[in-house]
Amino acid sequence: MTNLELVLNMLAEATTKEFSKKEDPKTFFKSKVIARKGGSVAGNARKDIENKLGESVVSDKNAEQIHFKDKKKLEKKK
């Protein structure tokens, strides 16, 4: 997961939290609708970034793989 992916994830979570505080959902269904709204904000931001960069910002790597570029360092960590 890249820094940009982490930031987009944080954007989704923070936006969802603010929507939830404002709308104060009382049921699971209402909470689910709010979660989708927060995810939509981050999804739109991701699409805008990708359009301007001309490439995907989503990677198939996890944080350890990015931090430890050298596989030997990763194996020593375990």
N, C-alpha and C. Protein backbone atom coordinates (compact mmCIF):
# COMPACT_ATOMS: atom_id res chain seq x y z
N MET A 1 0.85 -1.17 0.00
CA MET A 1 0.00 0.00 0.00
C MET A 1 0.90 1.24 0.00
N THR A 2 0.66 2.12 -0.93
CA THR A 2 1.48 3.33 -1.05
C THR A 2 0.94 4.43 -0.13
N ASN A 3 1.74 5.48 0.01
CA ASN A 3 1.30 6.62 0.83
C ASN A 3 0.00 7.21 0.29
N LEU A 4 -0.12 7.29 -1.00
CA LEU A 4 -1.33 7.84 -1.61
C LEU A 4 -2.54 6.97 -1.30
N GLU A 5 -2.36 5.66 -1.34
CA GLU A 5 -3.46 4.76 -0.98
C GLU A 5 -3.86 4.95 0.48
N LEU A 6 -2.88 5.12 1.35
CA LEU A 6 -3.18 5.36 2.76
C LEU A 6 -3.94 6.67 2.96
N VAL A 7 -3.53 7.69 2.25
CA VAL A 7 -4.20 8.99 2.36
C VAL A 7 -5.64 8.89 1.86
N LEU A 8 -5.86 8.20 0.78
CA LEU A 8 -7.22 8.04 0.26
C LEU A 8 -8.08 7.24 1.24
N ASN A 9 -7.49 6.24 1.87
CA ASN A 9 -8.20 5.47 2.88
C ASN A 9 -8.57 6.36 4.07
N MET A 10 -7.63 7.19 4.49
CA MET A 10 -7.90 8.12 5.59
C MET A 10 -8.98 9.13 5.21
N LEU A 11 -8.97 9.58 3.96
CA LEU A 11 -10.00 10.50 3.48
C LEU A 11 -11.38 9.85 3.57
N ALA A 12 -11.47 8.61 3.15
CA ALA A 12 -12.75 7.89 3.22
C ALA A 12 -13.22 7.77 4.66
N GLU A 13 -12.31 7.40 5.55
CA GLU A 13 -12.68 7.23 6.95
C GLU A 13 -13.07 8.55 7.61
N ALA A 14 -12.28 9.59 7.38
CA ALA A 14 -12.57 10.89 8.00
C ALA A 14 -13.87 11.48 7.46
N THR A 15 -14.09 11.36 6.17
CA THR A 15 -15.32 11.88 5.57
C THR A 15 -16.53 11.12 6.10
N THR A 16 -16.42 9.80 6.19
CA THR A 16 -17.51 8.99 6.72
C THR A 16 -17.82 9.38 8.16
N LYS A 17 -16.78 9.61 8.95
CA LYS A 17 -16.98 10.01 10.34
C LYS A 17 -17.73 11.34 10.43
N GLU A 18 -17.36 12.30 9.59
CA GLU A 18 -18.04 13.60 9.61
C GLU A 18 -19.49 13.49 9.16
N PHE A 19 -19.74 12.69 8.12
CA PHE A 19 -21.12 12.46 7.68
C PHE A 19 -21.93 11.83 8.82
N SER A 20 -21.30 10.87 9.49
CA SER A 20 -21.98 10.17 10.57
C SER A 20 -22.29 11.09 11.74
N LYS A 21 -21.35 11.96 12.08
CA LYS A 21 -21.61 12.92 13.17
C LYS A 21 -22.76 13.85 12.82
N LYS A 22 -22.80 14.29 11.57
CA LYS A 22 -23.84 15.22 11.14
C LYS A 22 -25.21 14.55 11.04
N GLU A 23 -25.24 13.34 10.48
CA GLU A 23 -26.52 12.68 10.21
C GLU A 23 -27.00 11.78 11.35
N ASP A 24 -26.09 11.40 12.26
CA ASP A 24 -26.43 10.59 13.44
C ASP A 24 -27.33 9.40 13.10
N PRO A 25 -26.78 8.43 12.36
CA PRO A 25 -27.61 7.28 11.95
C PRO A 25 -28.01 6.42 13.15
N LYS A 26 -29.22 5.90 13.09
CA LYS A 26 -29.74 5.06 14.18
C LYS A 26 -29.83 3.59 13.79
N THR A 27 -29.68 3.29 12.51
CA THR A 27 -29.80 1.90 12.07
C THR A 27 -28.57 1.51 11.26
N PHE A 28 -28.39 0.20 11.12
CA PHE A 28 -27.29 -0.31 10.31
C PHE A 28 -27.42 0.17 8.87
N PHE A 29 -28.63 0.13 8.33
CA PHE A 29 -28.85 0.55 6.95
C PHE A 29 -28.41 2.00 6.74
N LYS A 30 -28.78 2.90 7.66
CA LYS A 30 -28.39 4.30 7.52
C LYS A 30 -26.88 4.47 7.64
N SER A 31 -26.27 3.68 8.52
CA SER A 31 -24.81 3.72 8.65
C SER A 31 -24.14 3.24 7.36
N LYS A 32 -24.72 2.23 6.75
CA LYS A 32 -24.18 1.70 5.49
C LYS A 32 -24.25 2.75 4.38
N VAL A 33 -25.36 3.49 4.31
CA VAL A 33 -25.51 4.55 3.31
C VAL A 33 -24.45 5.63 3.53
N ILE A 34 -24.22 5.99 4.78
CA ILE A 34 -23.21 7.00 5.10
C ILE A 34 -21.81 6.50 4.74
N ALA A 35 -21.52 5.23 5.02
CA ALA A 35 -20.22 4.66 4.67
C ALA A 35 -19.99 4.70 3.16
N ARG A 36 -21.02 4.43 2.42
CA ARG A 36 -20.89 4.50 0.95
C ARG A 36 -20.63 5.93 0.48
N LYS A 37 -21.26 6.90 1.14
CA LYS A 37 -21.02 8.30 0.77
C LYS A 37 -19.57 8.68 1.03
N GLY A 38 -19.03 8.27 2.17
CA GLY A 38 -17.62 8.56 2.47
C GLY A 38 -16.68 7.88 1.50
N GLY A 39 -16.99 6.64 1.15
CA GLY A 39 -16.18 5.91 0.17
C GLY A 39 -16.26 6.54 -1.20
N SER A 40 -17.41 7.08 -1.52
CA SER A 40 -17.60 7.74 -2.81
C SER A 40 -16.73 8.99 -2.93
N VAL A 41 -16.61 9.74 -1.85
CA VAL A 41 -15.76 10.93 -1.86
C VAL A 41 -14.32 10.53 -2.17
N ALA A 42 -13.82 9.51 -1.47
CA ALA A 42 -12.45 9.05 -1.70
C ALA A 42 -12.29 8.43 -3.08
N GLY A 43 -13.31 7.72 -3.53
CA GLY A 43 -13.26 7.11 -4.86
C GLY A 43 -13.19 8.16 -5.95
N ASN A 44 -13.96 9.23 -5.79
CA ASN A 44 -13.91 10.32 -6.77
C ASN A 44 -12.55 11.01 -6.76
N ALA A 45 -11.98 11.18 -5.57
CA ALA A 45 -10.64 11.78 -5.47
C ALA A 45 -9.61 10.88 -6.17
N ARG A 46 -9.71 9.57 -5.94
CA ARG A 46 -8.79 8.63 -6.59
C ARG A 46 -8.89 8.72 -8.10
N LYS A 47 -10.11 8.72 -8.61
CA LYS A 47 -10.31 8.79 -10.07
C LYS A 47 -9.76 10.09 -10.64
N ASP A 48 -9.94 11.19 -9.94
CA ASP A 48 -9.42 12.47 -10.40
C ASP A 48 -7.89 12.46 -10.43
N ILE A 49 -7.28 11.92 -9.39
CA ILE A 49 -5.82 11.82 -9.34
C ILE A 49 -5.31 10.94 -10.48
N GLU A 50 -5.95 9.79 -10.68
CA GLU A 50 -5.53 8.88 -11.75
C GLU A 50 -5.68 9.52 -13.12
N ASN A 51 -6.74 10.27 -13.33
CA ASN A 51 -6.91 10.96 -14.62
C ASN A 51 -5.80 11.96 -14.86
N LYS A 52 -5.42 12.67 -13.82
CA LYS A 52 -4.37 13.69 -13.97
C LYS A 52 -2.97 13.09 -14.06
N LEU A 53 -2.75 11.96 -13.37
CA LEU A 53 -1.46 11.29 -13.45
C LEU A 53 -1.33 10.44 -14.71
N GLY A 54 -2.45 9.94 -15.18
CA GLY A 54 -2.42 9.05 -16.34
C GLY A 54 -2.04 7.62 -15.98
N GLU A 55 -2.14 7.28 -14.69
CA GLU A 55 -1.83 5.92 -14.25
C GLU A 55 -2.59 5.62 -12.96
N SER A 56 -2.68 4.34 -12.65
CA SER A 56 -3.39 3.91 -11.45
C SER A 56 -2.59 4.24 -10.20
N VAL A 57 -3.28 4.60 -9.14
CA VAL A 57 -2.61 4.86 -7.86
C VAL A 57 -2.74 3.65 -6.94
N VAL A 58 -3.46 2.63 -7.37
CA VAL A 58 -3.65 1.43 -6.57
C VAL A 58 -2.54 0.44 -6.89
N SER A 59 -1.89 -0.07 -5.83
CA SER A 59 -0.81 -1.04 -6.03
C SER A 59 -1.23 -2.38 -5.45
N ASP A 60 -0.51 -3.41 -5.82
CA ASP A 60 -0.79 -4.73 -5.27
C ASP A 60 0.15 -5.05 -4.11
N LYS A 61 0.92 -4.07 -3.69
CA LYS A 61 1.90 -4.28 -2.62
C LYS A 61 1.31 -3.90 -1.27
N ASN A 62 1.79 -4.58 -0.24
CA ASN A 62 1.39 -4.18 1.10
C ASN A 62 2.48 -3.27 1.68
N ALA A 63 2.27 -2.72 2.86
CA ALA A 63 3.20 -1.75 3.44
C ALA A 63 4.58 -2.34 3.65
N GLU A 64 4.66 -3.60 4.07
CA GLU A 64 5.96 -4.22 4.28
C GLU A 64 6.76 -4.33 2.99
N GLN A 65 6.08 -4.68 1.91
CA GLN A 65 6.77 -4.83 0.63
C GLN A 65 7.31 -3.50 0.13
N ILE A 66 6.63 -2.42 0.41
CA ILE A 66 7.11 -1.12 -0.02
C ILE A 66 8.25 -0.65 0.88
N HIS A 67 8.10 -0.88 2.18
CA HIS A 67 9.13 -0.44 3.13
C HIS A 67 10.42 -1.22 2.94
N PHE A 68 10.32 -2.52 2.74
CA PHE A 68 11.49 -3.37 2.57
C PHE A 68 11.63 -3.75 1.10
N LYS A 69 12.23 -2.87 0.32
CA LYS A 69 12.37 -3.13 -1.11
C LYS A 69 13.28 -4.32 -1.38
N ASP A 70 14.24 -4.51 -0.51
CA ASP A 70 15.15 -5.64 -0.65
C ASP A 70 14.54 -6.84 0.07
N LYS A 71 14.27 -7.91 -0.65
CA LYS A 71 13.60 -9.09 -0.08
C LYS A 71 14.39 -9.67 1.09
N LYS A 72 15.70 -9.56 1.07
CA LYS A 72 16.51 -10.10 2.17
C LYS A 72 16.21 -9.37 3.46
N LYS A 73 16.02 -8.06 3.37
CA LYS A 73 15.67 -7.29 4.56
C LYS A 73 14.30 -7.71 5.09
N LEU A 74 13.38 -8.01 4.18
CA LEU A 74 12.05 -8.45 4.56
C LEU A 74 12.13 -9.80 5.27
N GLU A 75 12.95 -10.70 4.74
CA GLU A 75 13.10 -12.03 5.35
C GLU A 75 13.75 -11.93 6.72
N LYS A 76 14.71 -11.02 6.90
CA LYS A 76 15.34 -10.84 8.21
C LYS A 76 14.34 -10.31 9.23
N LYS A 77 13.43 -9.49 8.78
CA LYS A 77 12.41 -8.89 9.65
C LYS A 77 11.53 -9.98 10.25
N LYS A 78 11.22 -11.02 9.47
CA LYS A 78 10.34 -12.10 9.93
C LYS A 78 11.13 -12.99 10.80
